[in-house]
């Protein structure tokens, strides 16, 4: 009988499994993933950015996990010979109204312990990013690029070396608690274990309810769509280039990202997906969409952000509008310079009150640890989050 079953083969589930086995060698551990491959969703479709932690409120779980996760990730990659590049990024203020927010970001970066961050003038900005439109900026040397799917597969390799089992193509259908154990029924088999760890990402709220957890959030899927910059125009971007975040919008805004395997992505936008795995614009799962629309929290979010939401949706269908947004940072970018890229889904926890949870949410009950919100920078933070969740799990087992 497995002592621990982990549900979800994304980077957080894998990091948690790895940490449990490192802390308590010999633990009988099984990880279940419903897809035929690991890291098929959020991990495999993100932008591959190693985040520095400059955006996050000092002392928050996001900030603490990002900084510690960053350190552990770099050490892991160095040890396992995984390619990454600390290419740095610039955060750019394009007008006077953004200068206060830029200053606040700089202060947050210092409070969070970032090394080498520097305010840069318009002239200094032009030296490192000649084609950027900006009046001031912040240079963040610790930001980098990586392939997080490669990282997660290396986690999986180490899990197996430590005696853990990983089963793909096993969707969890039912969870039945007993007196001293819990039964997990899947599409392929049935397992009994002492403890469950839920890292199911886009379906974490549903799995949490299966465990009997009273969860006052619903996962709302937001699709982020990217364009790729054609090869002949890639000279326009040297670093990662980000705008100053709009405080009236819960996402970072479109930006330019160099990729570890070559090329440059532009995006993402943030549009409501009509299915939890709705990677295509017209992919609609009517029961899932109805759940979203009927959730009181989403209704409050929609009433607050309806104008911004319609703007994002318009940009999703209008390449011209998307290009216009990118031109705020790099005016020389033209519609013809962009090719359609990929898309990812962000699992955003939305509270009944209408708040979009901005930090990690971990719920515990008698026999389960439920990770119900692991927003960006979860990939950067994965080993730190895995450490936190593994400690909660092992405390229960012991």
Protein backbone atom coordinates (compact mmCIF):
# COMPACT_ATOMS: atom_id res chain seq x y z
CA UNK A 1 0.00 0.00 0.00
CA UNK A 2 1.42 3.43 -0.90
CA UNK A 3 1.98 5.70 2.08
CA UNK A 4 1.45 8.78 -0.08
CA UNK A 5 -0.39 9.34 -3.35
CA UNK A 6 0.23 12.59 -5.18
CA UNK A 7 -2.38 13.63 -7.73
CA UNK A 8 -0.98 15.73 -10.57
CA UNK A 9 2.19 15.38 -12.64
CA UNK A 10 2.94 19.05 -13.16
CA UNK A 11 6.07 20.68 -11.81
CA UNK A 12 4.60 21.32 -8.32
CA UNK A 13 3.40 17.72 -7.88
CA UNK A 14 6.73 16.37 -9.08
CA UNK A 15 8.73 18.73 -6.86
CA UNK A 16 6.61 17.70 -3.86
CA UNK A 17 7.18 14.01 -4.58
CA UNK A 18 10.92 14.60 -4.94
CA UNK A 19 11.14 16.49 -1.65
CA UNK A 20 9.20 13.80 0.24
CA UNK A 21 11.57 11.11 -1.03
CA UNK A 22 14.65 13.20 -0.27
CA UNK A 23 13.48 13.95 3.27
CA UNK A 24 12.24 10.42 4.02
CA UNK A 25 14.04 7.90 1.79
CA UNK A 26 12.13 4.67 1.28
CA UNK A 27 8.69 6.28 1.45
CA UNK A 28 6.25 4.22 -0.61
CA UNK A 29 5.06 6.98 -2.94
CA UNK A 30 2.86 6.93 -6.04
CA UNK A 31 2.22 9.91 -8.34
CA UNK A 32 -0.84 9.80 -10.61
CA UNK A 33 -1.17 11.86 -13.81
CA UNK A 34 -4.27 11.75 -16.02
CA UNK A 35 -2.43 12.64 -19.25
CA UNK A 36 -0.13 10.35 -21.24
CA UNK A 37 2.83 12.62 -20.44
CA UNK A 38 4.00 14.68 -17.49
CA UNK A 39 3.72 18.48 -17.34
CA UNK A 40 1.26 18.62 -20.23
CA UNK A 41 -0.61 21.71 -19.06
CA UNK A 42 0.59 24.78 -17.12
CA UNK A 43 4.19 23.58 -16.80
CA UNK A 44 4.54 22.61 -20.44
CA UNK A 45 2.90 25.73 -21.85
CA UNK A 46 4.39 28.57 -19.82
CA UNK A 47 6.84 31.17 -21.07
CA UNK A 48 9.92 29.58 -19.48
CA UNK A 49 10.88 32.56 -17.33
CA UNK A 50 12.93 32.15 -14.15
CA UNK A 51 11.32 34.87 -12.05
CA UNK A 52 13.42 36.95 -9.67
CA UNK A 53 10.66 37.88 -7.18
CA UNK A 54 10.54 41.63 -7.82
CA UNK A 55 6.74 41.84 -8.14
CA UNK A 56 5.64 40.15 -4.94
CA UNK A 57 4.63 41.65 -1.63
CA UNK A 58 7.54 41.29 0.82
CA UNK A 59 6.89 38.52 3.31
CA UNK A 60 4.13 36.89 1.21
CA UNK A 61 4.31 33.18 0.38
CA UNK A 62 4.86 34.22 -3.24
CA UNK A 63 7.88 36.35 -2.38
CA UNK A 64 9.43 33.90 0.07
CA UNK A 65 8.88 30.86 -2.15
CA UNK A 66 10.09 32.66 -5.26
CA UNK A 67 13.40 33.72 -3.72
CA UNK A 68 14.07 30.37 -2.06
CA UNK A 69 12.78 28.46 -5.10
CA UNK A 70 15.01 30.53 -7.37
CA UNK A 71 18.08 29.57 -5.32
CA UNK A 72 17.16 25.88 -5.24
CA UNK A 73 16.28 25.82 -8.95
CA UNK A 74 19.64 27.27 -9.99
CA UNK A 75 21.48 24.79 -7.74
CA UNK A 76 19.42 21.88 -9.14
CA UNK A 77 20.07 22.91 -12.75
CA UNK A 78 23.80 23.31 -12.12
CA UNK A 79 23.92 19.87 -10.48
CA UNK A 80 21.84 18.15 -13.18
CA UNK A 81 23.36 19.98 -16.17
CA UNK A 82 20.08 21.61 -17.24
CA UNK A 83 20.58 24.55 -19.56
CA UNK A 84 19.40 27.98 -18.42
CA UNK A 85 20.45 31.58 -19.00
CA UNK A 86 20.29 34.49 -16.58
CA UNK A 87 19.79 36.99 -19.38
CA UNK A 88 18.12 39.64 -17.20
CA UNK A 89 15.09 41.75 -17.92
CA UNK A 90 14.08 45.38 -18.03
CA UNK A 91 10.80 46.74 -16.66
CA UNK A 92 9.91 49.82 -18.64
CA UNK A 93 7.88 52.92 -17.76
CA UNK A 94 6.50 54.42 -20.96
CA UNK A 95 4.95 57.52 -19.35
CA UNK A 96 5.13 59.71 -16.23
CA UNK A 97 2.03 58.10 -14.68
CA UNK A 98 3.92 54.81 -14.28
CA UNK A 99 6.92 56.25 -12.40
CA UNK A 100 5.45 55.81 -8.90
CA UNK A 101 4.64 52.16 -9.63
CA UNK A 102 8.14 51.68 -11.04
CA UNK A 103 9.65 53.11 -7.86
CA UNK A 104 7.46 50.79 -5.76
CA UNK A 105 8.72 47.80 -7.75
CA UNK A 106 12.31 48.86 -7.14
CA UNK A 107 11.64 49.08 -3.39
CA UNK A 108 9.95 45.66 -3.41
CA UNK A 109 12.92 44.18 -5.22
CA UNK A 110 15.29 45.50 -2.55
CA UNK A 111 13.05 44.30 0.28
CA UNK A 112 12.87 40.85 -1.30
CA UNK A 113 16.67 40.62 -1.46
CA UNK A 114 17.24 40.84 -5.22
CA UNK A 115 20.85 41.33 -6.17
CA UNK A 116 22.07 43.89 -8.68
CA UNK A 117 18.74 45.55 -9.50
CA UNK A 118 19.32 49.00 -10.88
CA UNK A 119 17.26 52.02 -11.87
CA UNK A 120 18.10 53.09 -15.41
CA UNK A 121 17.52 56.37 -17.22
CA UNK A 122 16.10 56.73 -20.71
CA UNK A 123 19.65 56.97 -22.09
CA UNK A 124 20.78 53.82 -20.24
CA UNK A 125 17.66 52.02 -21.40
CA UNK A 126 18.45 52.89 -25.03
CA UNK A 127 21.97 51.50 -24.60
CA UNK A 128 20.75 48.04 -23.66
CA UNK A 129 17.43 48.03 -25.57
CA UNK A 130 17.80 50.50 -28.46
CA UNK A 131 14.29 49.93 -29.86
CA UNK A 132 12.32 50.25 -26.63
CA UNK A 133 10.00 53.17 -25.99
CA UNK A 134 10.54 54.19 -22.37
CA UNK A 135 11.40 57.12 -20.13
CA UNK A 136 12.86 55.10 -17.23
CA UNK A 137 13.31 51.49 -16.24
CA UNK A 138 14.63 48.89 -13.84
CA UNK A 139 17.23 46.34 -14.87
CA UNK A 140 16.77 42.97 -13.11
CA UNK A 141 19.85 40.78 -13.65
CA UNK A 142 18.55 37.71 -11.80
CA UNK A 143 15.70 36.99 -14.25
CA UNK A 144 16.41 34.11 -16.59
CA UNK A 145 15.04 31.66 -19.16
CA UNK A 146 14.73 27.88 -19.07
CA UNK A 147 12.64 24.95 -20.33
CA UNK A 148 10.53 24.01 -17.31
CA UNK A 149 9.33 20.80 -18.95
CA UNK A 150 12.95 19.64 -19.05
CA UNK A 151 13.26 20.53 -15.36
CA UNK A 152 10.11 18.60 -14.45
CA UNK A 153 11.22 15.50 -16.39
CA UNK A 154 14.50 15.59 -14.46
CA UNK A 155 12.48 15.76 -11.22
CA UNK A 156 10.63 12.64 -12.43
CA UNK A 157 13.90 10.86 -13.21
CA UNK A 158 15.14 11.52 -9.68
CA UNK A 159 11.82 10.42 -8.15
CA UNK A 160 12.18 7.04 -9.85
CA UNK A 161 15.82 6.73 -8.74
CA UNK A 162 14.63 7.25 -5.16
CA UNK A 163 12.05 4.48 -5.49
CA UNK A 164 8.92 6.51 -6.25
CA UNK A 165 6.37 5.33 -8.82
CA UNK A 166 4.78 7.48 -11.52
CA UNK A 167 1.67 6.34 -13.40
CA UNK A 168 0.43 8.31 -16.41
CA UNK A 169 -2.95 7.83 -18.13
CA UNK A 170 -4.65 7.47 -14.73
CA UNK A 171 -7.41 9.94 -14.11
CA UNK A 172 -8.71 10.13 -10.54
CA UNK A 173 -12.46 9.49 -10.54
CA UNK A 174 -13.34 9.06 -6.89
CA UNK A 175 -11.78 9.42 -3.42
CA UNK A 176 -13.23 7.40 -0.55
CA UNK A 177 -12.00 8.10 2.99
CA UNK A 178 -11.79 5.22 5.47
CA UNK A 179 -10.92 5.02 9.15
CA UNK A 180 -7.11 4.94 8.83
CA UNK A 181 -6.64 5.20 5.09
CA UNK A 182 -8.13 6.57 1.91
CA UNK A 183 -9.04 4.80 -1.34
CA UNK A 184 -8.34 6.48 -4.66
CA UNK A 185 -10.24 5.10 -7.63
CA UNK A 186 -8.81 5.92 -11.06
CA UNK A 187 -9.70 5.16 -14.66
CA UNK A 188 -7.32 2.18 -14.48
CA UNK A 189 -7.19 0.87 -10.93
CA UNK A 190 -7.87 1.44 -7.25
CA UNK A 191 -5.30 2.31 -4.57
CA UNK A 192 -5.33 2.62 -0.81
CA UNK A 193 -2.97 5.04 0.94
CA UNK A 194 -2.42 6.84 4.22
CA UNK A 195 -2.23 10.36 2.78
CA UNK A 196 -3.22 12.22 -0.38
CA UNK A 197 -1.47 15.29 -1.78
CA UNK A 198 -3.55 17.18 -4.33
CA UNK A 199 -1.47 19.07 -6.92
CA UNK A 200 -4.06 18.80 -9.68
CA UNK A 201 -3.63 22.36 -11.01
CA UNK A 202 -6.60 23.25 -13.20
CA UNK A 203 -8.73 20.66 -11.37
CA UNK A 204 -7.34 21.16 -7.86
CA UNK A 205 -10.63 22.56 -6.52
CA UNK A 206 -12.58 19.57 -7.84
CA UNK A 207 -10.11 17.06 -6.39
CA UNK A 208 -10.17 18.95 -3.07
CA UNK A 209 -13.94 18.55 -2.93
CA UNK A 210 -13.50 14.80 -3.56
CA UNK A 211 -11.38 14.70 -0.40
CA UNK A 212 -14.21 16.33 1.57
CA UNK A 213 -12.39 19.64 1.82
CA UNK A 214 -14.59 22.69 2.21
CA UNK A 215 -13.12 24.88 -0.55
CA UNK A 216 -14.40 28.41 -0.91
CA UNK A 217 -12.65 29.01 -4.23
CA UNK A 218 -13.20 27.95 -7.82
CA UNK A 219 -10.49 27.61 -10.43
CA UNK A 220 -11.12 30.03 -13.28
CA UNK A 221 -9.09 29.27 -16.43
CA UNK A 222 -7.48 32.23 -18.20
CA UNK A 223 -5.87 31.60 -21.56
CA UNK A 224 -2.65 33.40 -22.42
CA UNK A 225 -1.93 33.59 -26.15
CA UNK A 226 1.44 34.32 -27.72
CA UNK A 227 2.84 35.47 -31.02
CA UNK A 228 6.36 34.66 -32.20
CA UNK A 229 8.55 37.37 -33.66
CA UNK A 230 9.85 36.50 -37.12
CA UNK A 231 13.56 35.75 -37.27
CA UNK A 232 14.46 38.85 -39.27
CA UNK A 233 13.00 41.10 -36.54
CA UNK A 234 14.41 39.38 -33.46
CA UNK A 235 17.20 41.96 -33.28
CA UNK A 236 14.60 44.29 -31.73
CA UNK A 237 14.83 42.45 -28.38
CA UNK A 238 17.99 41.81 -26.32
CA UNK A 239 16.63 40.99 -22.85
CA UNK A 240 13.19 40.18 -21.50
CA UNK A 241 11.13 43.37 -21.77
CA UNK A 242 8.16 43.94 -19.45
CA UNK A 243 5.81 46.88 -18.93
CA UNK A 244 5.10 48.35 -15.51
CA UNK A 245 2.10 46.28 -14.30
CA UNK A 246 -1.26 48.01 -14.41
CA UNK A 247 -2.63 48.03 -10.83
CA UNK A 248 -6.16 47.91 -12.24
CA UNK A 249 -5.42 44.60 -14.02
CA UNK A 250 -4.54 41.33 -12.19
CA UNK A 251 -2.00 40.15 -14.79
CA UNK A 252 1.39 41.47 -15.95
CA UNK A 253 0.42 42.65 -19.44
CA UNK A 254 1.97 41.73 -22.79
CA UNK A 255 5.75 41.57 -22.88
CA UNK A 256 8.68 40.19 -24.88
CA UNK A 257 10.38 36.95 -23.83
CA UNK A 258 13.50 35.35 -25.21
CA UNK A 259 13.22 31.54 -25.29
CA UNK A 260 15.93 29.14 -24.14
CA UNK A 261 15.58 27.08 -27.33
CA UNK A 262 15.72 30.14 -29.56
CA UNK A 263 13.23 32.69 -30.76
CA UNK A 264 11.25 35.44 -29.05
CA UNK A 265 7.65 35.32 -27.87
CA UNK A 266 5.36 38.33 -27.57
CA UNK A 267 2.45 38.15 -25.15
CA UNK A 268 0.52 36.83 -23.39
CA UNK A 269 -2.89 38.41 -23.22
CA UNK A 270 -5.29 37.06 -20.56
CA UNK A 271 -8.71 35.94 -21.76
CA UNK A 272 -11.34 33.84 -20.06
CA UNK A 273 -11.11 30.29 -21.45
CA UNK A 274 -14.43 28.55 -22.06
CA UNK A 275 -13.01 25.25 -20.75
CA UNK A 276 -10.44 24.40 -18.11
CA UNK A 277 -8.24 23.06 -20.87
CA UNK A 278 -9.49 25.50 -23.51
CA UNK A 279 -6.26 26.21 -25.37
CA UNK A 280 -8.11 27.15 -28.56
CA UNK A 281 -10.34 30.21 -28.86
CA UNK A 282 -13.47 28.29 -29.77
CA UNK A 283 -12.99 25.31 -27.46
CA UNK A 284 -16.10 25.33 -25.26
CA UNK A 285 -16.97 22.87 -22.50
CA UNK A 286 -20.53 23.91 -21.69
CA UNK A 287 -20.78 22.35 -18.19
CA UNK A 288 -17.44 23.88 -17.17
CA UNK A 289 -18.37 27.25 -18.67
CA UNK A 290 -21.70 27.20 -16.81
CA UNK A 291 -19.83 26.51 -13.53
CA UNK A 292 -17.64 29.55 -14.14
CA UNK A 293 -20.47 31.89 -15.10
CA UNK A 294 -22.64 30.83 -12.16
CA UNK A 295 -19.86 31.22 -9.57
CA UNK A 296 -20.70 34.34 -7.49
CA UNK A 297 -17.00 35.25 -7.27
CA UNK A 298 -16.60 35.25 -11.04
CA UNK A 299 -19.70 37.40 -11.45
CA UNK A 300 -18.10 39.99 -9.15
CA UNK A 301 -14.80 39.80 -11.05
CA UNK A 302 -16.63 40.24 -14.34
CA UNK A 303 -18.51 43.30 -13.08
CA UNK A 304 -15.22 44.85 -11.92
CA UNK A 305 -13.04 44.03 -14.93
CA UNK A 306 -15.61 43.80 -17.75
CA UNK A 307 -14.02 46.63 -19.76
CA UNK A 308 -10.51 45.21 -19.49
CA UNK A 309 -11.86 41.72 -20.17
CA UNK A 310 -13.54 42.81 -23.40
CA UNK A 311 -10.31 44.54 -24.43
CA UNK A 312 -8.34 41.33 -23.87
CA UNK A 313 -10.95 39.32 -25.80
CA UNK A 314 -10.83 41.81 -28.68
CA UNK A 315 -7.02 41.50 -28.80
CA UNK A 316 -7.43 37.72 -28.87
CA UNK A 317 -9.31 37.95 -32.17
CA UNK A 318 -7.55 41.03 -33.58
CA UNK A 319 -3.89 40.72 -34.50
CA UNK A 320 -3.88 44.46 -35.22
CA UNK A 321 -5.02 45.25 -31.66
CA UNK A 322 -2.44 42.84 -30.22
CA UNK A 323 0.27 44.53 -32.29
CA UNK A 324 -0.83 47.94 -31.05
CA UNK A 325 -0.39 46.79 -27.43
CA UNK A 326 3.12 45.53 -28.22
CA UNK A 327 3.99 48.82 -29.95
CA UNK A 328 3.66 50.62 -26.62
CA UNK A 329 6.96 48.94 -25.71
CA UNK A 330 8.57 48.57 -29.15
CA UNK A 331 7.03 50.95 -31.70
CA UNK A 332 8.85 49.32 -34.64
CA UNK A 333 6.98 46.01 -34.24
CA UNK A 334 4.52 45.58 -37.11
CA UNK A 335 1.65 43.18 -37.66
CA UNK A 336 3.61 41.38 -40.36
CA UNK A 337 6.48 40.70 -37.94
CA UNK A 338 4.33 38.35 -35.86
CA UNK A 339 3.51 34.69 -36.37
CA UNK A 340 0.90 32.82 -34.34
CA UNK A 341 2.50 31.10 -31.36
CA UNK A 342 1.22 28.81 -28.64
CA UNK A 343 -1.15 29.31 -25.72
CA UNK A 344 -1.22 28.35 -22.07
CA UNK A 345 -3.92 28.20 -19.42
CA UNK A 346 -3.46 29.83 -16.03
CA UNK A 347 -5.41 28.20 -13.20
CA UNK A 348 -6.58 31.22 -11.21
CA UNK A 349 -8.36 30.61 -7.90
CA UNK A 350 -11.34 32.92 -7.48
CA UNK A 351 -12.88 33.33 -4.05
CA UNK A 352 -16.65 33.53 -3.51
CA UNK A 353 -16.13 37.17 -2.47
CA UNK A 354 -14.79 38.02 -5.94
CA UNK A 355 -11.12 38.20 -4.93
CA UNK A 356 -8.62 36.63 -7.31
CA UNK A 357 -6.26 34.79 -4.98
CA UNK A 358 -2.82 36.29 -5.46
CA UNK A 359 -0.92 33.90 -3.20
CA UNK A 360 -0.53 30.17 -2.70
CA UNK A 361 -3.52 28.41 -1.10
CA UNK A 362 -2.96 25.15 0.76
CA UNK A 363 -5.80 23.44 2.63
CA UNK A 364 -5.49 20.43 4.90
CA UNK A 365 -7.98 17.95 6.23
CA UNK A 366 -7.77 14.58 8.00
CA UNK A 367 -6.10 12.68 5.18
CA UNK A 368 -5.26 15.20 2.46
CA UNK A 369 -3.08 18.20 1.69
CA UNK A 370 -4.73 20.24 -1.08
CA UNK A 371 -2.69 22.77 -3.08
CA UNK A 372 -5.54 24.83 -4.50
CA UNK A 373 -3.71 27.84 -5.89
CA UNK A 374 -0.15 27.82 -7.17
CA UNK A 375 0.01 30.84 -9.46
CA UNK A 376 3.04 32.17 -11.29
CA UNK A 377 5.88 31.99 -10.24
CA UNK A 378 5.03 28.39 -9.28
CA UNK A 379 7.52 26.89 -11.75
CA UNK A 380 10.40 29.03 -10.44
CA UNK A 381 9.22 28.34 -6.88
CA UNK A 382 8.52 24.63 -7.38
CA UNK A 383 11.25 23.20 -5.14
CA UNK A 384 10.41 25.65 -2.36
CA UNK A 385 6.67 24.94 -2.64
CA UNK A 386 7.48 21.23 -2.79
CA UNK A 387 9.51 21.61 0.39
CA UNK A 388 6.60 23.31 2.20
CA UNK A 389 4.03 20.73 1.05
CA UNK A 390 6.35 17.80 1.77
CA UNK A 391 6.81 19.02 5.35
CA UNK A 392 3.04 19.16 5.82
CA UNK A 393 2.72 15.65 4.37
CA UNK A 394 5.53 14.10 6.41
CA UNK A 395 4.23 15.68 9.60
CA UNK A 396 0.99 13.78 8.98
CA UNK A 397 2.77 10.50 8.20
CA UNK A 398 4.95 10.73 11.26
